[in-house]
C-alpha atoms as a PDB file:
ATOM      1  CA  UNK A   1     359.556  46.319 220.601  1.00  0.00           C
ATOM      2  CA  UNK A   2     361.565  45.183 223.645  1.00  0.00           C
ATOM      3  CA  UNK A   3     358.552  43.307 225.043  1.00  0.00           C
ATOM      4  CA  UNK A   4     358.117  41.472 221.729  1.00  0.00           C
ATOM      5  CA  UNK A   5     361.805  40.565 221.692  1.00  0.00           C
ATOM      6  CA  UNK A   6     361.548  39.228 225.265  1.00  0.00           C
ATOM      7  CA  UNK A   7     358.589  37.031 224.285  1.00  0.00           C
ATOM      8  CA  UNK A   8     360.478  35.644 221.303  1.00  0.00           C
ATOM      9  CA  UNK A   9     363.462  34.899 223.526  1.00  0.00           C
ATOM     10  CA  UNK A  10     361.221  33.159 226.073  1.00  0.00           C
ATOM     11  CA  UNK A  11     359.673  31.028 223.314  1.00  0.00           C
ATOM     12  CA  UNK A  12     363.111  30.115 222.005  1.00  0.00           C
ATOM     13  CA  UNK A  13     364.329  29.109 225.485  1.00  0.00           C
ATOM     14  CA  UNK A  14     361.184  27.041 226.092  1.00  0.00           C
ATOM     15  CA  UNK A  15     361.571  25.303 222.726  1.00  0.00           C
ATOM     16  CA  UNK A  16     365.185  24.436 223.537  1.00  0.00           C
ATOM     17  CA  UNK A  17     364.180  23.087 226.954  1.00  0.00           C
ATOM     18  CA  UNK A  18     361.423  20.940 225.452  1.00  0.00           C
ATOM     19  CA  UNK A  19     363.896  19.567 222.905  1.00  0.00           C
ATOM     20  CA  UNK A  20     366.414  18.845 225.684  1.00  0.00           C
ATOM     21  CA  UNK A  21     363.693  17.110 227.717  1.00  0.00           C
ATOM     22  CA  UNK A  22     363.345  14.544 224.937  1.00  0.00           C
ATOM     23  CA  UNK A  23     366.922  13.366 225.598  1.00  0.00           C
ATOM     24  CA  UNK A  24     366.865  10.257 227.814  1.00  0.00           C
ATOM     25  CA  UNK A  25     368.546  10.880 231.168  1.00  0.00           C
ATOM     26  CA  UNK A  26     368.796  14.643 230.675  1.00  0.00           C
ATOM     27  CA  UNK A  27     367.057  16.613 233.421  1.00  0.00           C
ATOM     28  CA  UNK A  28     365.610  19.972 232.436  1.00  0.00           C
ATOM     29  CA  UNK A  29     364.317  22.519 234.935  1.00  0.00           C
ATOM     30  CA  UNK A  30     361.261  24.581 234.070  1.00  0.00           C
ATOM     31  CA  UNK A  31     360.070  27.577 236.034  1.00  0.00           C
ATOM     32  CA  UNK A  32     356.317  27.628 236.777  1.00  0.00           C
ATOM     33  CA  UNK A  33     355.504  29.931 233.838  1.00  0.00           C
ATOM     34  CA  UNK A  34     357.462  27.757 231.397  1.00  0.00           C
ATOM     35  CA  UNK A  35     355.790  24.608 232.691  1.00  0.00           C
ATOM     36  CA  UNK A  36     352.343  26.145 232.259  1.00  0.00           C
ATOM     37  CA  UNK A  37     353.156  27.334 228.708  1.00  0.00           C
ATOM     38  CA  UNK A  38     354.416  23.835 227.906  1.00  0.00           C
ATOM     39  CA  UNK A  39     351.074  22.369 228.975  1.00  0.00           C
ATOM     40  CA  UNK A  40     352.285  20.630 232.116  1.00  0.00           C
ATOM     41  CA  UNK A  41     349.232  21.747 234.059  1.00  0.00           C
ATOM     42  CA  UNK A  42     346.575  21.163 231.444  1.00  0.00           C
ATOM     43  CA  UNK A  43     343.615  19.541 233.181  1.00  0.00           C
ATOM     44  CA  UNK A  44     342.349  16.588 231.223  1.00  0.00           C
ATOM     45  CA  UNK A  45     340.986  14.356 233.971  1.00  0.00           C
ATOM     46  CA  UNK A  46     337.553  12.803 233.810  1.00  0.00           C
ATOM     47  CA  UNK A  47     334.720  14.607 235.490  1.00  0.00           C
ATOM     48  CA  UNK A  48     332.996  12.846 238.381  1.00  0.00           C
ATOM     49  CA  UNK A  49     330.041  12.009 236.142  1.00  0.00           C
ATOM     50  CA  UNK A  50     332.324  10.568 233.430  1.00  0.00           C
ATOM     51  CA  UNK A  51     334.147   8.467 236.019  1.00  0.00           C
ATOM     52  CA  UNK A  52     330.863   7.092 237.380  1.00  0.00           C
ATOM     53  CA  UNK A  53     329.619   6.339 233.855  1.00  0.00           C
ATOM     54  CA  UNK A  54     332.776   4.371 233.094  1.00  0.00           C
ATOM     55  CA  UNK A  55     332.624   2.236 236.247  1.00  0.00           C
ATOM     56  CA  UNK A  56     331.475  -1.308 235.507  1.00  0.00           C
ATOM     57  CA  UNK A  57     331.588  -2.414 239.162  1.00  0.00           C
ATOM     58  CA  UNK A  58     328.538  -0.454 240.274  1.00  0.00           C
ATOM     59  CA  UNK A  59     325.301  -2.423 240.584  1.00  0.00           C
ATOM     60  CA  UNK A  60     322.512  -1.427 238.219  1.00  0.00           C
ATOM     61  CA  UNK A  61     319.886   0.675 239.910  1.00  0.00           C
END
């Protein structure tokens, strides 16, 4: 039960921080776990193949 309560508290704190972060000029600090849960480290970059396919400057082979 205590573990569940801790998770709920962590979610509540993260939600408050994300709301605060939407305020212009307000700086919010996130610890690494909070940042990861908030999606700050979600990898969405192009793969090398996708980047090469999107390049229009390469000569046709």
